C-alpha atoms as a PDB file:
ATOM      1  CA  MET A   1     170.036 104.274  61.948  1.00  0.00           C
ATOM      2  CA  THR A   2     169.188 103.620  58.064  1.00  0.00           C
ATOM      3  CA  GLU A   3     166.772 105.514  56.143  1.00  0.00           C
ATOM      4  CA  ASP A   4     165.101 101.838  55.309  1.00  0.00           C
ATOM      5  CA  PHE A   5     165.014 100.935  58.771  1.00  0.00           C
ATOM      6  CA  ASN A   6     162.246 104.631  59.091  1.00  0.00           C
ATOM      7  CA  GLU A   7     160.308 103.364  56.220  1.00  0.00           C
ATOM      8  CA  ILE A   8     156.570 102.016  57.077  1.00  0.00           C
ATOM      9  CA  LYS A   9     156.590  98.560  56.595  1.00  0.00           C
ATOM     10  CA  PRO A  10     153.614  97.807  53.782  1.00  0.00           C
ATOM     11  CA  GLY A  11     149.969  97.639  55.593  1.00  0.00           C
ATOM     12  CA  ALA A  12     151.209  98.811  58.634  1.00  0.00           C
ATOM     13  CA  GLN A  13     149.881 102.245  57.987  1.00  0.00           C
ATOM     14  CA  ALA A  14     146.421 100.568  57.185  1.00  0.00           C
ATOM     15  CA  VAL A  15     146.519  98.245  60.057  1.00  0.00           C
ATOM     16  CA  ALA A  16     146.838 101.174  62.230  1.00  0.00           C
ATOM     17  CA  GLU A  17     144.565 103.230  61.027  1.00  0.00           C
ATOM     18  CA  SER A  18     142.026 100.108  61.752  1.00  0.00           C
ATOM     19  CA  VAL A  19     142.709  99.493  64.923  1.00  0.00           C
ATOM     20  CA  THR A  20     142.019 103.409  65.830  1.00  0.00           C
ATOM     21  CA  ARG A  21     139.052 103.313  63.650  1.00  0.00           C
ATOM     22  CA  LYS A  22     138.063  99.755  65.989  1.00  0.00           C
ATOM     23  CA  ARG A  23     139.218 101.927  68.896  1.00  0.00           C
ATOM     24  CA  ALA A  24     137.328 104.582  68.559  1.00  0.00           C
ATOM     25  CA  ALA A  25     133.850 102.976  67.760  1.00  0.00           C
ATOM     26  CA  LEU A  26     133.963 100.606  70.816  1.00  0.00           C
ATOM     27  CA  GLU A  27     134.583 104.256  72.636  1.00  0.00           C
ATOM     28  CA  ALA A  28     131.677 105.312  71.927  1.00  0.00           C
ATOM     29  CA  LYS A  29     130.044 102.507  72.574  1.00  0.00           C
ATOM     30  CA  HIS A  30     130.943 103.494  76.112  1.00  0.00           C
ATOM     31  CA  ILE A  31     133.419 100.785  76.179  1.00  0.00           C
ATOM     32  CA  ILE A  32     136.520 100.981  78.225  1.00  0.00           C
ATOM     33  CA  LEU A  33     139.806 100.230  76.669  1.00  0.00           C
ATOM     34  CA  THR A  34     143.329 100.195  78.500  1.00  0.00           C
ATOM     35  CA  ASP A  35     146.571 100.693  77.127  1.00  0.00           C
ATOM     36  CA  ARG A  36     148.090  97.837  79.146  1.00  0.00           C
ATOM     37  CA  PRO A  37     146.012  94.843  80.393  1.00  0.00           C
ATOM     38  CA  GLU A  38     147.589  95.082  84.123  1.00  0.00           C
ATOM     39  CA  ASP A  39     145.939  98.521  83.982  1.00  0.00           C
ATOM     40  CA  VAL A  40     142.258  97.183  83.778  1.00  0.00           C
ATOM     41  CA  ALA A  41     142.809  95.842  87.457  1.00  0.00           C
ATOM     42  CA  ALA A  42     142.255 100.023  88.665  1.00  0.00           C
ATOM     43  CA  TYR A  43     139.080  99.698  87.134  1.00  0.00           C
ATOM     44  CA  LEU A  44     137.428  96.800  88.715  1.00  0.00           C
ATOM     45  CA  PRO A  45     136.628  97.710  91.944  1.00  0.00           C
ATOM     46  CA  LYS A  46     134.024  99.784  90.479  1.00  0.00           C
ATOM     47  CA  TYR A  47     133.218  97.458  87.558  1.00  0.00           C
ATOM     48  CA  HIS A  48     133.347  93.738  88.222  1.00  0.00           C
ATOM     49  CA  HIS A  49     129.462  92.825  87.575  1.00  0.00           C
ATOM     50  CA  THR A  50     127.913  91.150  84.736  1.00  0.00           C
ATOM     51  CA  MET A  51     125.410  92.089  82.542  1.00  0.00           C
ATOM     52  CA  HIS A  52     123.341  89.461  83.766  1.00  0.00           C
ATOM     53  CA  GLU A  53     123.605  90.890  87.395  1.00  0.00           C
ATOM     54  CA  ILE A  54     122.711  93.851  86.158  1.00  0.00           C
ATOM     55  CA  ILE A  55     119.284  92.793  84.190  1.00  0.00           C
ATOM     56  CA  GLU A  56     118.245  90.193  87.508  1.00  0.00           C
ATOM     57  CA  ILE A  57     118.024  93.733  89.661  1.00  0.00           C
ATOM     58  CA  GLY A  58     117.438  96.504  87.573  1.00  0.00           C
ATOM     59  CA  PRO A  59     114.500  97.301  85.525  1.00  0.00           C
ATOM     60  CA  TRP A  60     114.632  95.330  82.534  1.00  0.00           C
ATOM     61  CA  GLN A  61     112.213  92.721  81.675  1.00  0.00           C
ATOM     62  CA  SER A  62     115.016  90.640  79.094  1.00  0.00           C
ATOM     63  CA  TYR A  63     118.811  91.143  77.944  1.00  0.00           C
ATOM     64  CA  GLY A  64     116.853  92.222  74.820  1.00  0.00           C
ATOM     65  CA  ALA A  65     115.305  94.781  76.349  1.00  0.00           C
ATOM     66  CA  PHE A  66     118.753  95.907  78.274  1.00  0.00           C
ATOM     67  CA  ARG A  67     120.651  96.124  75.210  1.00  0.00           C
ATOM     68  CA  GLU A  68     117.764  97.869  73.570  1.00  0.00           C
ATOM     69  CA  GLY A  69     117.653 100.200  76.174  1.00  0.00           C
ATOM     70  CA  ALA A  70     120.846 101.191  78.869  1.00  0.00           C
ATOM     71  CA  GLY A  71     122.724  98.484  76.448  1.00  0.00           C
ATOM     72  CA  ARG A  72     123.608 101.504  74.302  1.00  0.00           C
ATOM     73  CA  ASN A  73     125.238 103.586  76.377  1.00  0.00           C
ATOM     74  CA  MET A  74     125.946 102.283  79.315  1.00  0.00           C
ATOM     75  CA  THR A  75     130.091 101.844  80.094  1.00  0.00           C
ATOM     76  CA  ARG A  76     131.158  98.434  80.573  1.00  0.00           C
ATOM     77  CA  LEU A  77     135.029  97.453  81.327  1.00  0.00           C
ATOM     78  CA  PHE A  78     136.613  95.632  78.571  1.00  0.00           C
ATOM     79  CA  LEU A  79     137.834  92.384  79.537  1.00  0.00           C
ATOM     80  CA  SER A  80     140.346  90.969  77.480  1.00  0.00           C
ATOM     81  CA  ASP A  81     142.279  87.581  77.843  1.00  0.00           C
ATOM     82  CA  GLU A  82     145.692  89.330  78.462  1.00  0.00           C
ATOM     83  CA  ALA A  83     143.741  91.342  80.981  1.00  0.00           C
ATOM     84  CA  ARG A  84     142.703  88.055  82.621  1.00  0.00           C
ATOM     85  CA  ALA A  85     146.455  87.353  82.988  1.00  0.00           C
ATOM     86  CA  ALA A  86     147.733  90.463  83.773  1.00  0.00           C
ATOM     87  CA  CYS A  87     145.086  91.061  86.649  1.00  0.00           C
ATOM     88  CA  ALA A  88     145.048  87.729  87.787  1.00  0.00           C
ATOM     89  CA  GLU A  89     145.054  88.259  92.051  1.00  0.00           C
ATOM     90  CA  GLU A  90     142.880  91.482  91.450  1.00  0.00           C
ATOM     91  CA  LEU A  91     140.347  88.725  89.800  1.00  0.00           C
ATOM     92  CA  SER A  92     140.786  86.479  92.139  1.00  0.00           C
ATOM     93  CA  ARG A  93     138.267  87.928  94.167  1.00  0.00           C
ATOM     94  CA  LEU A  94     135.490  88.072  91.419  1.00  0.00           C
ATOM     95  CA  THR A  95     133.017  84.761  90.800  1.00  0.00           C
ATOM     96  CA  ASP A  96     133.992  82.229  88.073  1.00  0.00           C
ATOM     97  CA  VAL A  97     131.005  84.124  85.840  1.00  0.00           C
ATOM     98  CA  GLN A  98     132.469  87.636  85.959  1.00  0.00           C
ATOM     99  CA  LYS A  99     136.002  86.077  85.431  1.00  0.00           C
ATOM    100  CA  ARG A 100     134.614  84.470  82.277  1.00  0.00           C
ATOM    101  CA  ALA A 101     132.428  87.766  81.049  1.00  0.00           C
ATOM    102  CA  SER A 102     133.868  89.981  78.291  1.00  0.00           C
ATOM    103  CA  TYR A 103     132.476  92.817  79.560  1.00  0.00           C
ATOM    104  CA  LEU A 104     132.157  94.457  83.729  1.00  0.00           C
ATOM    105  CA  PHE A 105     130.125  96.363  84.333  1.00  0.00           C
ATOM    106  CA  SER A 106     129.188  99.303  87.530  1.00  0.00           C
ATOM    107  CA  TYR A 107     126.354  99.317  89.809  1.00  0.00           C
ATOM    108  CA  GLU A 108     126.906 102.815  89.861  1.00  0.00           C
ATOM    109  CA  ASP A 109     126.643 103.449  86.336  1.00  0.00           C
ATOM    110  CA  ALA A 110     123.519 101.972  86.611  1.00  0.00           C
ATOM    111  CA  ALA A 111     122.009 103.195  89.564  1.00  0.00           C
ATOM    112  CA  ASP A 112     122.810 106.889  87.351  1.00  0.00           C
ATOM    113  CA  TRP A 113     121.693 105.540  84.462  1.00  0.00           C
ATOM    114  CA  ILE A 114     118.220 104.863  85.564  1.00  0.00           C
ATOM    115  CA  HIS A 115     118.154 107.348  87.153  1.00  0.00           C
ATOM    116  CA  GLU A 116     118.376 109.555  84.254  1.00  0.00           C
ATOM    117  CA  ASN A 117     115.851 107.099  81.906  1.00  0.00           C
ATOM    118  CA  VAL A 118     113.292 105.728  83.804  1.00  0.00           C
ATOM    119  CA  GLU A 119     110.682 107.588  85.235  1.00  0.00           C
ATOM    120  CA  SER A 120     108.436 106.182  88.421  1.00  0.00           C
ATOM    121  CA  GLU A 121     104.775 106.670  89.453  1.00  0.00           C
ATOM    122  CA  VAL A 122     102.889 106.171  92.676  1.00  0.00           C
ATOM    123  CA  MET A 123      98.665 105.108  92.627  1.00  0.00           C
ATOM    124  CA  SER A 124      98.302 105.076  96.496  1.00  0.00           C
ATOM    125  CA  VAL A 125     100.118 105.709  99.597  1.00  0.00           C
ATOM    126  CA  LEU A 126      99.720 104.597 102.970  1.00  0.00           C
ATOM    127  CA  VAL A 127      99.520 107.685 105.205  1.00  0.00           C
ATOM    128  CA  PRO A 128     100.506 107.356 108.977  1.00  0.00           C
ATOM    129  CA  LEU A 129      98.011 108.955 111.250  1.00  0.00           C
ATOM    130  CA  SER A 130      99.866 110.027 113.865  1.00  0.00           C
ATOM    131  CA  MET A 131     101.433 112.841 111.693  1.00  0.00           C
ATOM    132  CA  PHE A 132      97.970 114.767 112.228  1.00  0.00           C
ATOM    133  CA  ALA A 133      98.371 114.347 116.000  1.00  0.00           C
ATOM    134  CA  THR A 134      99.211 116.800 118.673  1.00  0.00           C
ATOM    135  CA  ASP A 135     101.118 114.175 120.798  1.00  0.00           C
ATOM    136  CA  PRO A 136     101.788 111.110 118.341  1.00  0.00           C
ATOM    137  CA  ASP A 137     103.344 109.136 120.972  1.00  0.00           C
ATOM    138  CA  ALA A 138     100.291 109.011 122.943  1.00  0.00           C
ATOM    139  CA  PHE A 139      98.151 108.589 120.357  1.00  0.00           C
ATOM    140  CA  ARG A 140     100.199 105.607 119.164  1.00  0.00           C
ATOM    141  CA  SER A 141      99.499 104.227 123.008  1.00  0.00           C
ATOM    142  CA  GLN A 142      96.111 104.559 122.729  1.00  0.00           C
ATOM    143  CA  PHE A 143      95.975 102.866 118.791  1.00  0.00           C
ATOM    144  CA  LEU A 144      97.591 100.112 120.703  1.00  0.00           C
ATOM    145  CA  GLU A 145      95.755  99.570 123.311  1.00  0.00           C
ATOM    146  CA  GLU A 146      92.703  99.801 121.507  1.00  0.00           C
ATOM    147  CA  ARG A 147      93.984  97.402 119.172  1.00  0.00           C
ATOM    148  CA  SER A 148      94.867  94.903 121.414  1.00  0.00           C
ATOM    149  CA  LYS A 149      91.293  94.863 122.864  1.00  0.00           C
ATOM    150  CA  ARG A 150      89.775  94.434 119.665  1.00  0.00           C
ATOM    151  CA  PHE A 151      92.348  91.020 118.339  1.00  0.00           C
ATOM    152  CA  VAL A 152      91.522  89.482 122.020  1.00  0.00           C
ATOM    153  CA  THR A 153      87.557  89.769 120.454  1.00  0.00           C
ATOM    154  CA  LEU A 154      88.105  88.402 116.999  1.00  0.00           C
ATOM    155  CA  GLU A 155      90.594  85.589 118.408  1.00  0.00           C
ATOM    156  CA  GLU A 156      87.733  84.844 121.269  1.00  0.00           C
ATOM    157  CA  ALA A 157      85.037  85.114 118.641  1.00  0.00           C
ATOM    158  CA  ALA A 158      87.287  82.425 116.143  1.00  0.00           C
ATOM    159  CA  SER A 159      87.772  79.675 119.343  1.00  0.00           C
ATOM    160  CA  LYS A 160      83.962  79.788 119.176  1.00  0.00           C
ATOM    161  CA  GLY A 161      83.492  79.174 115.197  1.00  0.00           C
ATOM    162  CA  LYS A 162      82.033  82.915 114.698  1.00  0.00           C
ATOM    163  CA  SER A 163      83.522  85.230 112.579  1.00  0.00           C
ATOM    164  CA  PRO A 164      82.241  88.449 113.684  1.00  0.00           C
ATOM    165  CA  ALA A 165      82.509  92.005 111.634  1.00  0.00           C
ATOM    166  CA  ARG A 166      85.699  93.688 111.343  1.00  0.00           C
ATOM    167  CA  THR A 167      84.970  97.648 112.127  1.00  0.00           C
ATOM    168  CA  PRO A 168      87.894  99.693 109.660  1.00  0.00           C
ATOM    169  CA  LEU A 169      90.267 101.933 111.710  1.00  0.00           C
ATOM    170  CA  SER A 170      88.355 104.673 109.774  1.00  0.00           C
ATOM    171  CA  LYS A 171      85.852 104.067 112.202  1.00  0.00           C
ATOM    172  CA  TRP A 172      87.688 103.544 115.376  1.00  0.00           C
ATOM    173  CA  ARG A 173      86.743 106.158 118.196  1.00  0.00           C
ATOM    174  CA  LEU A 174      90.501 106.833 118.173  1.00  0.00           C
ATOM    175  CA  THR A 175      90.112 108.583 114.885  1.00  0.00           C
ATOM    176  CA  ARG A 176      87.454 111.231 116.485  1.00  0.00           C
ATOM    177  CA  ILE A 177      90.690 112.910 117.922  1.00  0.00           C
ATOM    178  CA  LEU A 178      92.447 113.851 114.778  1.00  0.00           C
ATOM    179  CA  PRO A 179      91.060 117.057 112.647  1.00  0.00           C
ATOM    180  CA  ALA A 180      87.301 117.252 111.416  1.00  0.00           C
ATOM    181  CA  SER A 181      89.489 118.000 107.638  1.00  0.00           C
ATOM    182  CA  VAL A 182      91.560 114.151 107.942  1.00  0.00           C
ATOM    183  CA  GLN A 183      88.496 112.613 109.624  1.00  0.00           C
ATOM    184  CA  THR A 184      86.529 113.039 106.692  1.00  0.00           C
ATOM    185  CA  GLU A 185      89.733 111.651 103.920  1.00  0.00           C
ATOM    186  CA  LEU A 186      89.499 108.112 106.466  1.00  0.00           C
ATOM    187  CA  GLY A 187      88.721 105.188 104.523  1.00  0.00           C
ATOM    188  CA  ARG A 188      87.625 106.129 100.984  1.00  0.00           C
ATOM    189  CA  TRP A 189      89.961 104.071  99.192  1.00  0.00           C
ATOM    190  CA  GLN A 190      87.648 101.692  98.482  1.00  0.00           C
ATOM    191  CA  GLU A 191      85.053 104.919  97.471  1.00  0.00           C
ATOM    192  CA  ASP A 192      88.094 106.360  94.912  1.00  0.00           C
ATOM    193  CA  TYR A 193      89.059 102.826  93.382  1.00  0.00           C
ATOM    194  CA  ASN A 194      85.046 102.055  92.543  1.00  0.00           C
ATOM    195  CA  ALA A 195      85.038 105.845  91.293  1.00  0.00           C
ATOM    196  CA  GLU A 196      87.948 105.079  88.988  1.00  0.00           C
ATOM    197  CA  ARG A 197      86.405 101.888  87.865  1.00  0.00           C
ATOM    198  CA  GLU A 198      82.991 103.578  86.859  1.00  0.00           C
ATOM    199  CA  ARG A 199      84.793 106.356  85.322  1.00  0.00           C
ATOM    200  CA  GLN A 200      87.056 103.738  83.268  1.00  0.00           C
ATOM    201  CA  GLY A 201      84.731 101.086  82.751  1.00  0.00           C
ATOM    202  CA  VAL A 202      86.903  98.613  83.350  1.00  0.00           C
ATOM    203  CA  ALA A 203      87.388  95.783  86.400  1.00  0.00           C
ATOM    204  CA  TRP A 204      91.033  96.717  86.906  1.00  0.00           C
ATOM    205  CA  PRO A 205      91.725 100.354  86.441  1.00  0.00           C
ATOM    206  CA  ASN A 206      94.751 102.422  86.586  1.00  0.00           C
ATOM    207  CA  PRO A 207      94.307 104.562  89.507  1.00  0.00           C
ATOM    208  CA  THR A 208      95.024 108.554  89.100  1.00  0.00           C
ATOM    209  CA  SER A 209      99.269 108.186  89.772  1.00  0.00           C
ATOM    210  CA  LEU A 210     101.360 111.201  90.637  1.00  0.00           C
ATOM    211  CA  THR A 211     104.971 111.283  89.191  1.00  0.00           C
ATOM    212  CA  VAL A 212     107.915 111.061  92.122  1.00  0.00           C
ATOM    213  CA  LEU A 213     111.528 111.433  91.750  1.00  0.00           C
ATOM    214  CA  PHE A 214     113.041 108.385  92.888  1.00  0.00           C
ATOM    215  CA  PRO A 215     116.177 108.928  94.685  1.00  0.00           C
ATOM    216  CA  GLU A 216     119.688 109.907  93.082  1.00  0.00           C
ATOM    217  CA  GLY A 217     122.415 107.200  93.524  1.00  0.00           C
ATOM    218  CA  VAL A 218     120.483 104.279  94.597  1.00  0.00           C
ATOM    219  CA  LEU A 219     120.400 100.980  92.840  1.00  0.00           C
ATOM    220  CA  ALA A 220     117.071  99.941  93.899  1.00  0.00           C
ATOM    221  CA  ARG A 221     116.093  95.931  93.849  1.00  0.00           C
ATOM    222  CA  TYR A 222     113.373  96.179  91.230  1.00  0.00           C
ATOM    223  CA  ARG A 223     110.914  93.254  90.691  1.00  0.00           C
ATOM    224  CA  ALA A 224     108.345  92.418  88.015  1.00  0.00           C
ATOM    225  CA  MET A 225     105.051  91.552  88.924  1.00  0.00           C
ATOM    226  CA  LYS A 226     105.180  88.233  88.747  1.00  0.00           C
ATOM    227  CA  GLU A 227     108.353  88.814  92.150  1.00  0.00           C
ATOM    228  CA  LEU A 228     105.597  90.176  94.096  1.00  0.00           C
ATOM    229  CA  ALA A 229     103.262  87.748  94.199  1.00  0.00           C
ATOM    230  CA  PRO A 230     101.859  84.160  92.333  1.00  0.00           C
ATOM    231  CA  THR A 231      98.675  85.746  90.648  1.00  0.00           C
ATOM    232  CA  THR A 232      98.397  88.690  88.688  1.00  0.00           C
ATOM    233  CA  ALA A 233      95.102  89.795  91.090  1.00  0.00           C
ATOM    234  CA  ARG A 234      97.383  89.443  94.384  1.00  0.00           C
ATOM    235  CA  ALA A 235     100.159  91.363  93.013  1.00  0.00           C
ATOM    236  CA  ARG A 236      98.425  94.384  92.017  1.00  0.00           C
ATOM    237  CA  ALA A 237      96.423  93.998  95.663  1.00  0.00           C
ATOM    238  CA  THR A 238      99.871  94.470  97.145  1.00  0.00           C
ATOM    239  CA  VAL A 239     101.145  97.214  94.371  1.00  0.00           C
ATOM    240  CA  LEU A 240      98.213  99.503  95.242  1.00  0.00           C
ATOM    241  CA  PHE A 241      97.458  98.211  99.027  1.00  0.00           C
ATOM    242  CA  GLU A 242     101.098  98.888 100.092  1.00  0.00           C
ATOM    243  CA  GLY A 243     101.585 101.700  97.988  1.00  0.00           C
ATOM    244  CA  PHE A 244     104.196 100.634  96.081  1.00  0.00           C
ATOM    245  CA  ALA A 245     105.987 102.178  93.358  1.00  0.00           C
ATOM    246  CA  VAL A 246     105.861 101.707  89.322  1.00  0.00           C
ATOM    247  CA  HIS A 247     108.637 102.056  87.311  1.00  0.00           C
ATOM    248  CA  ARG A 248     109.367 102.286  83.289  1.00  0.00           C
ATOM    249  CA  GLU A 249     111.397 103.581  80.828  1.00  0.00           C
ATOM    250  CA  VAL A 250     110.959 107.304  79.863  1.00  0.00           C
ATOM    251  CA  GLY A 251     108.816 107.032  76.953  1.00  0.00           C
ATOM    252  CA  HIS A 252     107.545 102.982  77.096  1.00  0.00           C
ATOM    253  CA  THR A 253     106.787 103.200  73.511  1.00  0.00           C
ATOM    254  CA  GLN A 254     108.581  99.853  73.227  1.00  0.00           C
ATOM    255  CA  PRO A 255     107.059  96.330  74.138  1.00  0.00           C
ATOM    256  CA  TYR A 256     110.398  95.645  75.919  1.00  0.00           C
ATOM    257  CA  CYS A 257     109.709  99.001  78.679  1.00  0.00           C
ATOM    258  CA  ARG A 258     107.895  96.689  80.924  1.00  0.00           C
ATOM    259  CA  ARG A 259     107.385  97.964  84.781  1.00  0.00           C
ATOM    260  CA  HIS A 260     108.847  97.065  87.890  1.00  0.00           C
ATOM    261  CA  TYR A 261     107.903  97.767  91.187  1.00  0.00           C
ATOM    262  CA  THR A 262     110.012  99.106  94.734  1.00  0.00           C
ATOM    263  CA  PRO A 263     108.760 100.050  97.868  1.00  0.00           C
ATOM    264  CA  GLY A 264     106.789 103.454  98.072  1.00  0.00           C
ATOM    265  CA  LEU A 265     106.669 106.600  99.374  1.00  0.00           C
ATOM    266  CA  LEU A 266     107.151 107.275 103.124  1.00  0.00           C
ATOM    267  CA  LEU A 267     105.093 110.174 104.630  1.00  0.00           C
ATOM    268  CA  GLY A 268     105.857 111.676 107.614  1.00  0.00           C
ATOM    269  CA  LYS A 269     108.887 112.533 109.909  1.00  0.00           C
ATOM    270  CA  PRO A 270     111.046 109.643 111.815  1.00  0.00           C
ATOM    271  CA  ILE A 271     108.837 110.137 114.520  1.00  0.00           C
ATOM    272  CA  HIS A 272     105.281 108.899 113.023  1.00  0.00           C
ATOM    273  CA  TRP A 273     107.073 105.790 111.098  1.00  0.00           C
ATOM    274  CA  LYS A 274     106.353 103.540 113.807  1.00  0.00           C
ATOM    275  CA  ASP A 275     102.922 104.047 112.597  1.00  0.00           C
ATOM    276  CA  TYR A 276     104.228 102.033 109.549  1.00  0.00           C
ATOM    277  CA  GLU A 277     105.424  99.089 111.875  1.00  0.00           C
ATOM    278  CA  ILE A 278     102.130  98.912 114.135  1.00  0.00           C
ATOM    279  CA  GLY A 279      99.385  99.463 111.246  1.00  0.00           C
ATOM    280  CA  LEU A 280      98.517 102.607 112.393  1.00  0.00           C
ATOM    281  CA  VAL A 281      98.202 103.788 108.943  1.00  0.00           C
ATOM    282  CA  ASP A 282      95.331 104.875 106.259  1.00  0.00           C
ATOM    283  CA  LEU A 283      95.519 104.203 102.343  1.00  0.00           C
ATOM    284  CA  MET A 284      94.645 106.634  99.963  1.00  0.00           C
ATOM    285  CA  SER A 285      94.780 107.163  96.637  1.00  0.00           C
ATOM    286  CA  ILE A 286      96.721 109.758  95.169  1.00  0.00           C
ATOM    287  CA  SER A 287      93.945 112.090  94.199  1.00  0.00           C
ATOM    288  CA  ARG A 288      92.752 112.559  97.791  1.00  0.00           C
ATOM    289  CA  ALA A 289      96.372 112.699  99.568  1.00  0.00           C
ATOM    290  CA  ILE A 290      97.265 115.321  97.080  1.00  0.00           C
ATOM    291  CA  ALA A 291      94.377 117.020  98.369  1.00  0.00           C
ATOM    292  CA  LEU A 292      95.171 116.592 101.686  1.00  0.00           C
ATOM    293  CA  LEU A 293      99.061 117.144 101.604  1.00  0.00           C
ATOM    294  CA  GLY A 294      99.464 118.695  98.518  1.00  0.00           C
ATOM    295  CA  ALA A 295     101.115 117.106  95.340  1.00  0.00           C
ATOM    296  CA  ASP A 296     105.234 119.398  96.325  1.00  0.00           C
ATOM    297  CA  TYR A 297     105.341 117.355  99.430  1.00  0.00           C
ATOM    298  CA  LEU A 298     104.660 113.971  97.998  1.00  0.00           C
ATOM    299  CA  ARG A 299     107.127 114.932  96.324  1.00  0.00           C
ATOM    300  CA  LYS A 300     109.471 115.236  98.500  1.00  0.00           C
ATOM    301  CA  THR A 301     109.288 112.817 100.327  1.00  0.00           C
ATOM    302  CA  PRO A 302     111.965 110.228 101.563  1.00  0.00           C
ATOM    303  CA  TRP A 303     110.975 106.504 100.250  1.00  0.00           C
ATOM    304  CA  ARG A 304     110.138 103.453 102.105  1.00  0.00           C
ATOM    305  CA  LEU A 305     113.387 101.474 101.260  1.00  0.00           C
ATOM    306  CA  GLY A 306     115.404  99.548 103.153  1.00  0.00           C
ATOM    307  CA  LYS A 307     119.234  97.473 102.813  1.00  0.00           C
ATOM    308  CA  GLU A 308     117.732  94.942 101.804  1.00  0.00           C
ATOM    309  CA  ASP A 309     115.484  96.812  99.064  1.00  0.00           C
ATOM    310  CA  VAL A 310     118.719  98.253  97.415  1.00  0.00           C
ATOM    311  CA  ALA A 311     121.227  96.764  95.845  1.00  0.00           C
ATOM    312  CA  TRP A 312     124.000  99.365  95.664  1.00  0.00           C
ATOM    313  CA  CYS A 313     123.685 102.888  97.224  1.00  0.00           C
ATOM    314  CA  ARG A 314     125.956 106.056  97.439  1.00  0.00           C
ATOM    315  CA  ASP A 315     124.736 107.387 100.681  1.00  0.00           C
ATOM    316  CA  GLU A 316     122.951 105.811 102.877  1.00  0.00           C
ATOM    317  CA  SER A 317     121.125 108.129 104.736  1.00  0.00           C
ATOM    318  CA  VAL A 318     118.453 107.946 102.019  1.00  0.00           C
ATOM    319  CA  LEU A 319     117.673 104.374 103.440  1.00  0.00           C
ATOM    320  CA  HIS A 320     114.935 103.747 105.950  1.00  0.00           C
ATOM    321  CA  GLU A 321     114.385 100.280 107.954  1.00  0.00           C
ATOM    322  CA  VAL A 322     110.504 100.378 107.959  1.00  0.00           C
ATOM    323  CA  LYS A 323     108.479  97.825 108.193  1.00  0.00           C
ATOM    324  CA  LEU A 324     104.796  97.497 107.399  1.00  0.00           C
ATOM    325  CA  SER A 325     102.831  95.591 110.056  1.00  0.00           C
ATOM    326  CA  ARG A 326     101.079  92.158 109.093  1.00  0.00           C
ATOM    327  CA  GLU A 327      98.177  92.987 109.947  1.00  0.00           C
ATOM    328  CA  PHE A 328      97.279  96.199 108.856  1.00  0.00           C
ATOM    329  CA  ARG A 329      95.104  95.034 105.745  1.00  0.00           C
ATOM    330  CA  ILE A 330      93.071  93.711 108.600  1.00  0.00           C
ATOM    331  CA  LEU A 331      93.134  97.315 110.201  1.00  0.00           C
ATOM    332  CA  LEU A 332      91.706  98.685 107.718  1.00  0.00           C
ATOM    333  CA  GLY A 333      89.313  96.296 106.236  1.00  0.00           C
ATOM    334  CA  ILE A 334      91.383  95.651 102.754  1.00  0.00           C
ATOM    335  CA  GLN A 335      92.209  92.325 102.989  1.00  0.00           C
ATOM    336  CA  ARG A 336      90.378  90.360 100.439  1.00  0.00           C
ATOM    337  CA  GLY A 337      91.722  92.232  97.965  1.00  0.00           C
ATOM    338  CA  PRO A 338      91.049  95.704  95.705  1.00  0.00           C
ATOM    339  CA  VAL A 339      87.351  94.276  93.883  1.00  0.00           C
ATOM    340  CA  ASP A 340      84.808  95.150  95.778  1.00  0.00           C
ATOM    341  CA  LYS A 341      82.033  92.227  94.972  1.00  0.00           C
ATOM    342  CA  SER A 342      79.451  94.234  95.045  1.00  0.00           C
ATOM    343  CA  CYS A 343      80.153  96.446  92.334  1.00  0.00           C
ATOM    344  CA  ARG A 344      78.520  95.284  88.955  1.00  0.00           C
ATOM    345  CA  TRP A 345      82.218  95.139  87.005  1.00  0.00           C
ATOM    346  CA  SER A 346      83.356  92.503  89.248  1.00  0.00           C
ATOM    347  CA  ARG A 347      80.536  90.167  88.535  1.00  0.00           C
ATOM    348  CA  ARG A 348      82.038  90.170  84.851  1.00  0.00           C
ATOM    349  CA  PRO A 349      82.914  86.612  83.704  1.00  0.00           C
ATOM    350  CA  LYS A 350      85.424  87.385  81.710  1.00  0.00           C
ATOM    351  CA  CYS A 351      86.979  91.612  82.352  1.00  0.00           C
ATOM    352  CA  THR A 352      87.938  93.713  79.822  1.00  0.00           C
ATOM    353  CA  ALA A 353      91.111  95.504  81.922  1.00  0.00           C
ATOM    354  CA  SER A 354      92.933  98.847  80.748  1.00  0.00           C
ATOM    355  CA  THR A 355      96.729  98.610  80.531  1.00  0.00           C
ATOM    356  CA  PRO A 356      98.055  96.745  83.091  1.00  0.00           C
ATOM    357  CA  LEU A 357      99.959  98.438  86.088  1.00  0.00           C
END
C-alpha cells in the first residue's frame, strides 16, 4: 500500500468534521440517528407517530405551542429517504402520512414529557355518597328505589303539562342515615360558588383548586374547552359540574400554554364507584372536599379515566371504566349551569371575567 493512498484527500477532513458537528447538533435536539438506514427498523415499534398526532392528542394548542415547549427536547426518530427504502416492509404497516414524515415520535415519550412538564389541578370533585354509608349496597338499593318513585312523579307531571319542583339529592330522606358531619356538607356547591363570585368580583370566578399528580405512564386524550361543548358557558359547566381536571405546562407564563382538560378524580373504592353511574354523588368544591376528606386523600385517589380517554397507557391498572349517570345533574339540581340568576353578578349585561378556566 503506497504512502499516497493513506493520505487524506484535500477537504475530506473538513467534511468529516462538518458531518460530526451536524450529527452532534441533531443529537443535542434529541433526534435519533442510526449508523445504517436499516437500523431504523428497530425503533419503529416505538417511534411511529407524527408530530400532528402528538399535538392532536396532547395538551398543545398548536404547532407553535408544541415547538416552543415539548418540541425542544422530546425525542424523535429521523426518517431519511434511505431508511424508507431499507425499511420498506416495516414501514408498510404505517399510514401514508407517517411514512412521509421526516420525524416520528413515541406516545410513551410524550406521556413521560407531559408527566414532567405539565401540572394538573381540580376545582371540584364528585363524591360517591355510599362511601359514607355502613352498607354501600343497601344504601344504593334504597337510593334507586326512591329515585324511581321521584322520576315517575316527574314524568306524570310532565305528561299533564306541569313542572313540579325538583328536590335535590342532598334534601332526600335517604341522606339522613349518613353521618351528621357529612349531611351538613352536601348540596352546597352553589353556595361555595356564589361566595367565590363575591370574593373575586366577577361573574365567572375560578374556584379554589388543588394541584394533583396525574398518573405516570399515561398519554390522555387532552381536550380544549371548545371540544367539551359548543359554547364557553356550557364548557365551563362541564368542567366544574363533572369534576374535570385542568392541565397546563408548568410555569404557564407564555401565551401558547393553553389549558386542556381530562376527566378528574375517582373517589372512594371500587365498591363505591357504582354511585357515579347511577347518580348517587354530590358535587363539592375543592375547599369543602379538603375539609371533609383531606388534601392528601384527594392527591392519592385514582382518576376517572377509561380506555377511550387515553391514547396510550403503560399500565392499564390505572384505568377505570366508570361513566357518569345522564341524570346526575338533575338529581343534584344543577342542570341549568353554574350561574345563579338570583346573584347580582349574573344580572350584568356584560361581565368582567377572571382568567378563563
